């Protein structure tokens, strides 16, 4: 028998096995087990809303998704946060707690080592963090240790391996199919995944809380970064990333003194204060108030912009707002192209009039 004839005989003999419709349908019917690890950020004994949004994102991956939350730190606030995490949502099956002084502060190097350790033991199919400064700092380094390419700033999940993310400063959406093997690592845009409400059922059926075995944790993974201090303004205004109303000022306000008009309006409306990058760079307000592609991504019910021209980087951070109101004396300002309501006027005339007519917040 010639080599060609032998090849044909083997091919014909094998073909019924590989082309069997029963085998194909049987293999296709076997579901892939989905398990997700959420890197959660906590403060004052509670999980931050951006990390709660990661729970909603994990729930969109699959109906049978097993969700675990990873917390790290030290002290009583960590235990309080663990109890809070256990009662967030009935989908959460486990809360993992890494209690050590080496993880008291959210530095990328030790946190990445922790994620690497937990992934080796847990074998999760997905690892998710919010696209906050916390997630953007930790997840890429953890992905490098796990030799994976992360998918960042996901705004929609179409399946366990199919994701949508913005590109070109939000002017286009890109659909990404992940084929890199477990774990698939994501950062999600929290404004695209509403925070799930806490039900009575989730409180009565709290998830189990387990301590992470840190016996093999590399405590020397300190790296070159170090925690210096945390500074925050003492204010009763809501958090910028989660506020229902945001009042933003731009460079047209001209000075930090004039920017107080924005702050007074925010106080009367019970709103958060935002600023453009130009206003931040000019020193009017601290950089934690910056809204836009390189600042906070917001999605309030009402977004009010005063003296904001509408640079593409700023618009990328406000596109999910329900209603956008813009006041600018330049009728051709790009902000009017996305605004639901626009007023061509001098903000130094509009703001005092608004402040005069609005009642004081009770």
Protein backbone atom coordinates (compact mmCIF):
# COMPACT_ATOMS: atom_id res chain seq x y z
CA UNK A 1 0.00 0.00 0.00
CA UNK A 2 1.37 3.41 -0.96
CA UNK A 3 1.78 6.20 1.60
CA UNK A 4 -1.01 8.19 -0.09
CA UNK A 5 -3.40 5.24 0.05
CA UNK A 6 -2.58 4.65 3.71
CA UNK A 7 -3.25 8.29 4.54
CA UNK A 8 -6.64 8.11 2.76
CA UNK A 9 -7.57 4.93 4.59
CA UNK A 10 -6.69 6.42 7.97
CA UNK A 11 -8.58 9.60 7.16
CA UNK A 12 -11.71 7.73 6.09
CA UNK A 13 -11.50 5.48 9.13
CA UNK A 14 -11.18 8.43 11.47
CA UNK A 15 -13.80 10.64 9.88
CA UNK A 16 -16.88 9.04 11.49
CA UNK A 17 -15.41 9.71 14.95
CA UNK A 18 -14.53 13.38 14.51
CA UNK A 19 -17.57 14.31 12.48
CA UNK A 20 -20.05 12.65 14.83
CA UNK A 21 -22.93 15.08 15.48
CA UNK A 22 -23.50 13.44 18.88
CA UNK A 23 -19.93 14.11 19.97
CA UNK A 24 -20.05 17.73 18.81
CA UNK A 25 -23.34 18.47 20.56
CA UNK A 26 -22.23 16.63 23.69
CA UNK A 27 -19.01 18.63 23.98
CA UNK A 28 -20.81 21.91 23.27
CA UNK A 29 -23.32 21.17 26.02
CA UNK A 30 -20.63 20.96 28.72
CA UNK A 31 -20.65 24.43 30.39
CA UNK A 32 -17.40 26.01 31.46
CA UNK A 33 -17.25 26.60 35.19
CA UNK A 34 -17.14 30.33 35.86
CA UNK A 35 -15.65 31.60 39.10
CA UNK A 36 -14.75 35.22 39.76
CA UNK A 37 -12.43 36.93 42.21
CA UNK A 38 -13.21 40.58 42.92
CA UNK A 39 -10.43 42.81 44.20
CA UNK A 40 -12.38 45.01 46.61
CA UNK A 41 -11.53 48.36 48.14
CA UNK A 42 -12.86 49.26 51.58
CA UNK A 43 -12.95 52.33 53.76
CA UNK A 44 -14.26 52.92 57.31
CA UNK A 45 -15.50 49.35 57.57
CA UNK A 46 -17.51 49.32 54.34
CA UNK A 47 -16.96 48.23 50.75
CA UNK A 48 -16.65 51.16 48.36
CA UNK A 49 -19.45 51.60 45.78
CA UNK A 50 -17.01 51.13 42.89
CA UNK A 51 -16.21 47.65 44.19
CA UNK A 52 -19.92 46.94 44.57
CA UNK A 53 -20.27 47.68 40.86
CA UNK A 54 -17.74 44.91 40.23
CA UNK A 55 -20.25 42.52 41.83
CA UNK A 56 -22.84 43.55 39.26
CA UNK A 57 -20.28 43.06 36.48
CA UNK A 58 -19.40 39.59 37.77
CA UNK A 59 -23.07 38.68 37.80
CA UNK A 60 -23.26 39.52 34.08
CA UNK A 61 -20.60 36.94 33.22
CA UNK A 62 -22.76 33.87 33.79
CA UNK A 63 -25.81 32.78 35.76
CA UNK A 64 -23.84 30.08 37.55
CA UNK A 65 -20.95 32.35 38.45
CA UNK A 66 -19.32 31.69 41.83
CA UNK A 67 -18.19 35.09 43.16
CA UNK A 68 -15.52 35.61 45.81
CA UNK A 69 -14.42 38.97 47.22
CA UNK A 70 -10.83 39.57 48.27
CA UNK A 71 -10.16 42.08 51.05
CA UNK A 72 -6.81 43.02 52.53
CA UNK A 73 -5.59 45.24 55.33
CA UNK A 74 -5.29 45.16 59.09
CA UNK A 75 -7.27 46.19 62.14
CA UNK A 76 -10.96 46.16 63.14
CA UNK A 77 -12.10 48.09 60.06
CA UNK A 78 -11.07 45.11 57.90
CA UNK A 79 -13.32 42.76 59.88
CA UNK A 80 -16.19 45.23 59.61
CA UNK A 81 -15.66 45.45 55.85
CA UNK A 82 -15.66 41.65 55.61
CA UNK A 83 -19.01 41.48 57.39
CA UNK A 84 -20.37 44.16 55.09
CA UNK A 85 -19.10 42.31 51.99
CA UNK A 86 -20.68 39.05 53.12
CA UNK A 87 -24.16 40.60 53.03
CA UNK A 88 -23.92 42.65 49.83
CA UNK A 89 -25.54 40.26 47.37
CA UNK A 90 -26.77 36.65 47.39
CA UNK A 91 -24.49 35.83 44.44
CA UNK A 92 -21.40 36.25 46.63
CA UNK A 93 -20.35 32.86 47.92
CA UNK A 94 -17.18 33.72 49.82
CA UNK A 95 -15.25 36.61 51.33
CA UNK A 96 -11.48 36.12 51.50
CA UNK A 97 -9.66 38.20 54.11
CA UNK A 98 -5.89 38.80 54.12
CA UNK A 99 -5.12 40.33 57.50
CA UNK A 100 -1.52 41.57 57.70
CA UNK A 101 0.27 44.86 58.26
CA UNK A 102 2.07 44.35 54.93
CA UNK A 103 -1.27 44.93 53.19
CA UNK A 104 -2.52 47.77 55.39
CA UNK A 105 -2.09 50.19 52.47
CA UNK A 106 -3.18 49.56 48.85
CA UNK A 107 0.30 49.39 47.29
CA UNK A 108 0.57 47.56 43.98
CA UNK A 109 3.55 45.33 44.80
CA UNK A 110 2.25 43.45 47.87
CA UNK A 111 -1.31 43.39 46.55
CA UNK A 112 -0.14 41.84 43.26
CA UNK A 113 1.70 39.15 45.21
CA UNK A 114 -1.49 38.49 47.17
CA UNK A 115 -3.57 38.14 43.99
CA UNK A 116 -0.96 35.79 42.54
CA UNK A 117 -1.08 33.66 45.71
CA UNK A 118 -4.90 33.53 45.87
CA UNK A 119 -5.19 32.72 42.15
CA UNK A 120 -2.77 29.80 42.47
CA UNK A 121 -4.93 28.31 45.22
CA UNK A 122 -8.35 29.24 43.87
CA UNK A 123 -7.91 28.84 40.10
CA UNK A 124 -10.46 31.54 39.24
CA UNK A 125 -11.63 31.98 35.67
CA UNK A 126 -11.99 35.77 36.05
CA UNK A 127 -10.44 38.49 38.20
CA UNK A 128 -12.24 41.85 38.30
CA UNK A 129 -11.45 45.26 39.79
CA UNK A 130 -13.06 48.66 39.32
CA UNK A 131 -11.37 51.19 37.04
CA UNK A 132 -10.56 53.37 40.04
CA UNK A 133 -7.08 54.43 41.11
CA UNK A 134 -7.10 51.28 43.27
CA UNK A 135 -7.89 48.92 40.40
CA UNK A 136 -5.73 50.69 37.84
CA UNK A 137 -2.79 50.48 40.22
CA UNK A 138 -3.05 46.84 41.27
CA UNK A 139 -4.59 44.78 38.46
CA UNK A 140 -1.96 45.45 35.73
CA UNK A 141 0.88 44.40 38.05
CA UNK A 142 -1.03 41.30 39.13
CA UNK A 143 -1.67 40.50 35.46
CA UNK A 144 2.05 40.72 34.75
CA UNK A 145 2.80 38.22 37.55
CA UNK A 146 0.17 35.87 36.11
CA UNK A 147 1.44 36.44 32.54
CA UNK A 148 -1.96 37.66 31.30
CA UNK A 149 -3.06 40.65 29.24
CA UNK A 150 -5.81 42.55 31.08
CA UNK A 151 -8.84 44.13 29.43
CA UNK A 152 -9.36 47.59 30.86
CA UNK A 153 -12.31 49.94 31.33
CA UNK A 154 -15.01 47.44 30.32
CA UNK A 155 -18.45 49.02 29.92
CA UNK A 156 -20.49 45.98 28.85
CA UNK A 157 -20.21 42.21 29.20
CA UNK A 158 -21.73 40.12 26.42
CA UNK A 159 -20.43 36.77 27.66
CA UNK A 160 -17.69 35.14 29.73
CA UNK A 161 -15.12 35.94 27.04
CA UNK A 162 -16.75 38.84 25.19
CA UNK A 163 -16.41 42.43 26.41
CA UNK A 164 -17.03 45.99 25.22
CA UNK A 165 -14.71 48.86 26.06
CA UNK A 166 -14.40 52.46 24.79
CA UNK A 167 -11.50 53.59 22.60
CA UNK A 168 -10.45 56.96 21.15
CA UNK A 169 -11.57 58.83 24.30
CA UNK A 170 -15.00 57.20 24.19
CA UNK A 171 -15.77 58.11 20.58
CA UNK A 172 -15.87 54.45 19.54
CA UNK A 173 -16.63 51.13 21.22
CA UNK A 174 -14.45 48.09 20.77
CA UNK A 175 -15.67 44.50 21.23
CA UNK A 176 -12.91 42.27 22.60
CA UNK A 177 -12.94 38.47 22.60
CA UNK A 178 -10.57 37.06 25.21
CA UNK A 179 -8.66 33.89 24.29
CA UNK A 180 -5.72 34.04 26.70
CA UNK A 181 -6.77 31.31 29.13
CA UNK A 182 -7.58 31.57 32.81
CA UNK A 183 -7.73 33.95 34.49
CA UNK A 184 -9.37 36.62 32.35
CA UNK A 185 -8.51 39.89 34.10
CA UNK A 186 -10.75 42.96 33.81
CA UNK A 187 -11.18 46.46 35.13
CA UNK A 188 -14.74 47.70 34.79
CA UNK A 189 -16.15 51.21 34.52
CA UNK A 190 -18.30 51.40 37.64
CA UNK A 191 -20.79 53.86 36.13
CA UNK A 192 -21.75 51.21 33.56
CA UNK A 193 -22.72 48.64 36.20
CA UNK A 194 -25.29 49.94 38.71
CA UNK A 195 -24.62 49.12 42.34
CA UNK A 196 -26.84 46.19 43.40
CA UNK A 197 -29.25 46.88 46.22
CA UNK A 198 -28.89 44.98 49.49
CA UNK A 199 -31.87 42.68 49.93
CA UNK A 200 -33.14 41.10 53.12
CA UNK A 201 -32.40 37.71 51.57
CA UNK A 202 -28.71 38.55 51.12
CA UNK A 203 -28.46 39.69 54.75
CA UNK A 204 -30.01 36.47 56.06
CA UNK A 205 -27.90 34.28 53.76
CA UNK A 206 -24.52 35.90 54.26
CA UNK A 207 -21.48 34.53 52.47
CA UNK A 208 -18.81 32.64 54.35
CA UNK A 209 -15.77 34.59 55.55
CA UNK A 210 -12.40 32.84 55.26
CA UNK A 211 -8.89 33.91 56.17
CA UNK A 212 -6.29 33.70 53.41
CA UNK A 213 -3.38 31.40 54.25
CA UNK A 214 -0.43 33.79 54.15
CA UNK A 215 2.22 31.25 55.16
CA UNK A 216 3.72 31.37 51.65
CA UNK A 217 3.09 35.08 51.09
CA UNK A 218 6.20 36.94 49.99
CA UNK A 219 6.36 39.69 52.60
CA UNK A 220 9.48 41.13 50.96
CA UNK A 221 7.46 42.20 47.90
CA UNK A 222 7.65 45.84 48.90
CA UNK A 223 9.05 47.25 45.68
CA UNK A 224 9.99 50.87 45.15
CA UNK A 225 6.69 52.48 46.10
CA UNK A 226 5.74 53.41 49.65
CA UNK A 227 2.69 54.81 51.34
CA UNK A 228 3.13 58.42 52.49
CA UNK A 229 -0.24 59.68 53.72
CA UNK A 230 -3.91 60.08 52.89
CA UNK A 231 -5.36 63.57 52.57
CA UNK A 232 -9.02 64.36 52.10
CA UNK A 233 -11.21 67.40 52.45
CA UNK A 234 -13.60 67.51 55.40
CA UNK A 235 -16.87 68.10 53.58
CA UNK A 236 -20.47 66.97 53.76
CA UNK A 237 -20.78 66.92 49.99
CA UNK A 238 -21.37 63.51 48.34
CA UNK A 239 -18.55 61.57 46.70
CA UNK A 240 -17.89 62.78 43.15
CA UNK A 241 -17.91 59.31 41.59
CA UNK A 242 -21.31 58.36 43.01
CA UNK A 243 -23.23 61.64 43.35
CA UNK A 244 -26.72 62.07 41.85
CA UNK A 245 -25.92 65.70 40.97
CA UNK A 246 -22.53 67.05 39.88
CA UNK A 247 -21.71 70.75 39.40
CA UNK A 248 -18.51 71.33 37.42
CA UNK A 249 -16.51 74.46 36.73
CA UNK A 250 -13.94 75.15 34.04
CA UNK A 251 -11.07 77.49 33.40
CA UNK A 252 -13.51 80.31 32.59
CA UNK A 253 -14.00 80.83 36.34
CA UNK A 254 -10.51 82.43 36.26
CA UNK A 255 -9.54 81.93 39.94
CA UNK A 256 -9.92 79.76 43.02
CA UNK A 257 -11.91 82.56 44.65
CA UNK A 258 -14.43 82.57 41.81
CA UNK A 259 -14.64 78.77 41.96
CA UNK A 260 -16.35 79.15 45.33
CA UNK A 261 -19.48 80.07 43.34
CA UNK A 262 -19.53 76.48 42.08
CA UNK A 263 -19.08 75.17 45.63
CA UNK A 264 -21.93 77.34 46.95
CA UNK A 265 -24.25 76.09 44.20
CA UNK A 266 -23.28 72.50 44.96
CA UNK A 267 -24.09 73.02 48.64
CA UNK A 268 -27.57 74.33 47.82
CA UNK A 269 -28.25 71.39 45.48
CA UNK A 270 -26.67 68.73 47.68
CA UNK A 271 -24.32 68.03 44.79
CA UNK A 272 -20.70 67.01 44.32
CA UNK A 273 -18.16 69.46 42.90
CA UNK A 274 -16.21 68.66 39.74
CA UNK A 275 -13.63 70.48 37.65
CA UNK A 276 -11.99 70.28 34.26
CA UNK A 277 -8.32 69.47 33.91
CA UNK A 278 -7.63 73.09 32.96
CA UNK A 279 -9.18 74.28 36.24
CA UNK A 280 -7.17 71.73 38.21
CA UNK A 281 -3.92 72.61 36.42
CA UNK A 282 -4.58 76.27 37.16
CA UNK A 283 -4.74 75.47 40.88
CA UNK A 284 -8.40 76.38 41.40
CA UNK A 285 -9.20 73.03 43.11
CA UNK A 286 -7.33 69.82 44.04
CA UNK A 287 -6.88 67.16 41.39
CA UNK A 288 -9.26 64.64 43.05
CA UNK A 289 -12.11 66.79 41.69
CA UNK A 290 -11.05 66.39 38.07
CA UNK A 291 -13.69 64.91 35.77
CA UNK A 292 -12.75 63.33 32.47
CA UNK A 293 -10.68 60.67 30.78
CA UNK A 294 -7.74 61.18 33.14
CA UNK A 295 -9.92 62.01 36.14
CA UNK A 296 -13.19 60.67 37.55
CA UNK A 297 -15.77 59.03 35.29
CA UNK A 298 -19.21 60.19 36.45
CA UNK A 299 -22.78 59.26 35.57
CA UNK A 300 -25.10 61.45 37.69
CA UNK A 301 -28.78 62.08 37.12
CA UNK A 302 -27.91 65.77 36.57
CA UNK A 303 -24.58 67.15 35.36
CA UNK A 304 -24.18 70.95 35.33
CA UNK A 305 -21.18 72.46 33.55
CA UNK A 306 -20.25 76.12 33.95
CA UNK A 307 -17.51 77.58 31.76
CA UNK A 308 -16.65 74.13 30.40
CA UNK A 309 -15.71 74.16 26.71
CA UNK A 310 -16.15 70.40 26.28
CA UNK A 311 -12.76 68.99 25.31
CA UNK A 312 -12.96 65.41 24.06
CA UNK A 313 -11.13 64.14 27.15
CA UNK A 314 -13.71 65.78 29.43
CA UNK A 315 -16.69 64.52 27.45
CA UNK A 316 -15.33 60.98 27.78
CA UNK A 317 -15.95 61.21 31.52
CA UNK A 318 -19.55 62.48 31.44
CA UNK A 319 -21.18 60.62 28.54
CA UNK A 320 -23.26 58.38 30.80
CA UNK A 321 -24.89 61.32 32.62
CA UNK A 322 -28.69 61.25 32.43
CA UNK A 323 -29.16 65.01 31.88
CA UNK A 324 -26.38 67.48 30.95
CA UNK A 325 -26.85 71.23 31.42
CA UNK A 326 -24.20 73.57 30.03
CA UNK A 327 -23.63 77.30 30.51
CA UNK A 328 -21.01 78.93 28.30
CA UNK A 329 -20.74 82.30 26.58
CA UNK A 330 -19.23 80.64 23.47
CA UNK A 331 -22.13 79.43 21.32
CA UNK A 332 -19.77 77.14 19.38
CA UNK A 333 -18.39 75.35 22.45
CA UNK A 334 -18.33 71.54 21.91
CA UNK A 335 -20.16 70.99 25.21
CA UNK A 336 -23.39 72.12 23.54
CA UNK A 337 -23.21 69.15 21.15
CA UNK A 338 -23.81 66.72 24.02
CA UNK A 339 -25.84 68.94 26.37
CA UNK A 340 -29.55 68.28 26.85
CA UNK A 341 -30.01 71.92 27.88
CA UNK A 342 -27.67 74.74 26.91
CA UNK A 343 -27.52 78.41 27.84
CA UNK A 344 -25.28 80.84 25.99
CA UNK A 345 -24.55 83.36 28.72
CA UNK A 346 -21.88 84.72 31.03
CA UNK A 347 -21.52 82.36 33.99
CA UNK A 348 -20.72 85.31 36.27
CA UNK A 349 -24.26 86.53 35.64
CA UNK A 350 -25.96 83.12 35.73
CA UNK A 351 -24.37 81.73 38.91
CA UNK A 352 -25.26 84.66 41.23
CA UNK A 353 -28.83 84.62 39.93
CA UNK A 354 -29.12 80.87 40.53
CA UNK A 355 -27.72 81.21 44.03
CA UNK A 356 -30.20 83.97 44.79
CA UNK A 357 -33.27 82.05 43.61
CA UNK A 358 -32.43 78.59 44.92
CA UNK A 359 -33.56 77.92 48.51
CA UNK A 360 -31.07 76.88 51.16
CA UNK A 361 -30.63 73.13 51.58
CA UNK A 362 -32.39 71.89 54.71
